[in-house]
Amino acid sequence: MTDSIQSEAKQPIQNKQFWIEQIKLKQASKLSGASYCRQHKLIVSKFRYWEQKLNLTHPKASQLVPVKLNPSEPVSRPMNTKCTLTFKGGHELKVYDQSVLPMLISLLK
């Protein structure tokens, strides 16, 4: 047997449930992914793969819903767009009020 085959043979079988548990333990530990993997002798790239695949850190939004707001008073002058986010499918979110940007940025992180 070659060294690479031997090292693979020594690795325990790691299934979906194993990685769910590891990701939850890492989150509870407050360690970085690399530090957690180093302490638990896990391969960082495998950990990242399963973290993305299971998407436990950032659950997907169920669906984007179009929202139209009707201002209480008609706008007498054109408003300047402060920020435009373009999504797949061509949908756009235009932000006209600069005070909303910090909240929007925190949601996108």
Protein backbone atom coordinates (compact mmCIF):
# COMPACT_ATOMS: atom_id res chain seq x y z
CA MET A 1 0.00 0.00 0.00
CA THR A 2 1.20 3.50 -0.73
CA ASP A 3 1.32 6.21 1.93
CA SER A 4 -1.67 8.11 0.46
CA ILE A 5 -3.84 4.98 0.43
CA GLN A 6 -2.83 4.14 3.99
CA SER A 7 -3.64 7.64 5.25
CA GLU A 8 -7.06 7.54 3.53
CA ALA A 9 -7.75 4.13 5.02
CA LYS A 10 -7.06 5.48 8.53
CA GLN A 11 -9.61 8.29 8.12
CA PRO A 12 -12.94 7.52 9.83
CA ILE A 13 -16.03 7.41 7.64
CA GLN A 14 -17.48 10.91 7.78
CA ASN A 15 -21.10 11.24 6.76
CA LYS A 16 -23.57 14.11 6.69
CA GLN A 17 -24.48 13.72 10.37
CA PHE A 18 -20.80 13.82 11.35
CA TRP A 19 -20.36 17.17 9.57
CA ILE A 20 -23.59 18.64 10.97
CA GLU A 21 -22.27 17.88 14.45
CA GLN A 22 -18.80 19.30 13.68
CA ILE A 23 -20.25 22.54 12.29
CA LYS A 24 -22.47 22.99 15.35
CA LEU A 25 -19.54 22.30 17.69
CA LYS A 26 -17.36 24.76 15.79
CA GLN A 27 -20.07 27.46 16.07
CA ALA A 28 -20.38 26.85 19.81
CA SER A 29 -16.60 26.96 20.24
CA LYS A 30 -16.30 30.49 18.77
CA LEU A 31 -13.05 29.37 17.09
CA SER A 32 -12.19 30.18 13.51
CA GLY A 33 -12.79 27.35 11.05
CA ALA A 34 -9.06 26.77 10.62
CA SER A 35 -8.42 26.67 14.38
CA TYR A 36 -11.29 24.29 15.00
CA CYS A 37 -10.11 21.99 12.22
CA ARG A 38 -6.55 22.04 13.53
CA GLN A 39 -7.69 21.14 17.07
CA HIS A 40 -9.93 18.31 15.83
CA LYS A 41 -7.61 17.07 13.09
CA LEU A 42 -10.08 17.85 10.31
CA ILE A 43 -9.20 18.85 6.77
CA VAL A 44 -10.16 22.51 6.37
CA SER A 45 -11.27 22.17 2.73
CA LYS A 46 -13.63 19.29 3.65
CA PHE A 47 -15.00 21.29 6.57
CA ARG A 48 -15.64 24.31 4.32
CA TYR A 49 -17.24 22.09 1.66
CA TRP A 50 -19.71 20.63 4.15
CA GLU A 51 -20.30 24.01 5.79
CA GLN A 52 -21.36 25.43 2.42
CA LYS A 53 -23.25 22.30 1.37
CA LEU A 54 -25.29 22.15 4.58
CA ASN A 55 -25.58 25.93 4.76
CA LEU A 56 -26.03 25.91 8.54
CA THR A 57 -24.29 29.23 9.12
CA HIS A 58 -26.39 31.32 6.71
CA PRO A 59 -29.77 29.75 6.03
CA LYS A 60 -31.28 30.62 2.66
CA ALA A 61 -34.14 33.05 2.55
CA SER A 62 -37.29 31.23 1.52
CA GLN A 63 -38.11 33.60 -1.30
CA LEU A 64 -37.76 37.21 -2.36
CA VAL A 65 -41.08 38.98 -2.55
CA PRO A 66 -41.54 42.18 -4.58
CA VAL A 67 -42.59 45.11 -2.41
CA LYS A 68 -44.01 48.38 -3.67
CA LEU A 69 -44.31 51.30 -1.30
CA ASN A 70 -46.73 54.13 -1.82
CA PRO A 71 -45.39 57.36 -0.35
CA SER A 72 -47.84 59.26 1.84
CA GLU A 73 -47.06 62.41 -0.12
CA PRO A 74 -46.26 62.63 -3.82
CA VAL A 75 -42.57 63.18 -4.56
CA SER A 76 -42.16 66.58 -6.18
CA ARG A 77 -38.57 66.09 -7.35
CA PRO A 78 -36.72 63.09 -8.75
CA MET A 79 -34.90 61.13 -6.07
CA ASN A 80 -31.24 60.19 -6.42
CA THR A 81 -30.48 56.49 -6.15
CA LYS A 82 -27.89 55.88 -3.41
CA CYS A 83 -27.44 52.17 -4.10
CA THR A 84 -28.80 49.56 -6.52
CA LEU A 85 -28.59 45.82 -5.93
CA THR A 86 -29.21 43.67 -9.00
CA PHE A 87 -30.28 40.07 -8.43
CA LYS A 88 -30.50 37.04 -10.68
CA GLY A 89 -33.47 37.28 -12.96
CA GLY A 90 -32.99 41.03 -13.39
CA HIS A 91 -34.74 42.11 -10.18
CA GLU A 92 -33.38 45.30 -8.64
CA LEU A 93 -33.50 46.84 -5.22
CA LYS A 94 -32.97 50.61 -5.38
CA VAL A 95 -32.19 52.50 -2.20
CA TYR A 96 -32.94 56.20 -2.13
CA ASP A 97 -32.50 56.88 1.58
CA GLN A 98 -28.85 56.84 2.65
CA SER A 99 -29.78 56.20 6.30
CA VAL A 100 -30.91 52.67 5.30
CA LEU A 101 -27.51 51.67 3.88
CA PRO A 102 -25.79 50.62 7.18
CA MET A 103 -28.70 48.29 8.00
CA LEU A 104 -28.69 46.88 4.47
CA ILE A 105 -24.94 46.28 4.58
CA SER A 106 -25.23 44.48 7.93
CA LEU A 107 -27.91 42.19 6.47
CA LEU A 108 -25.67 41.30 3.52
CA LYS A 109 -22.68 40.30 5.65
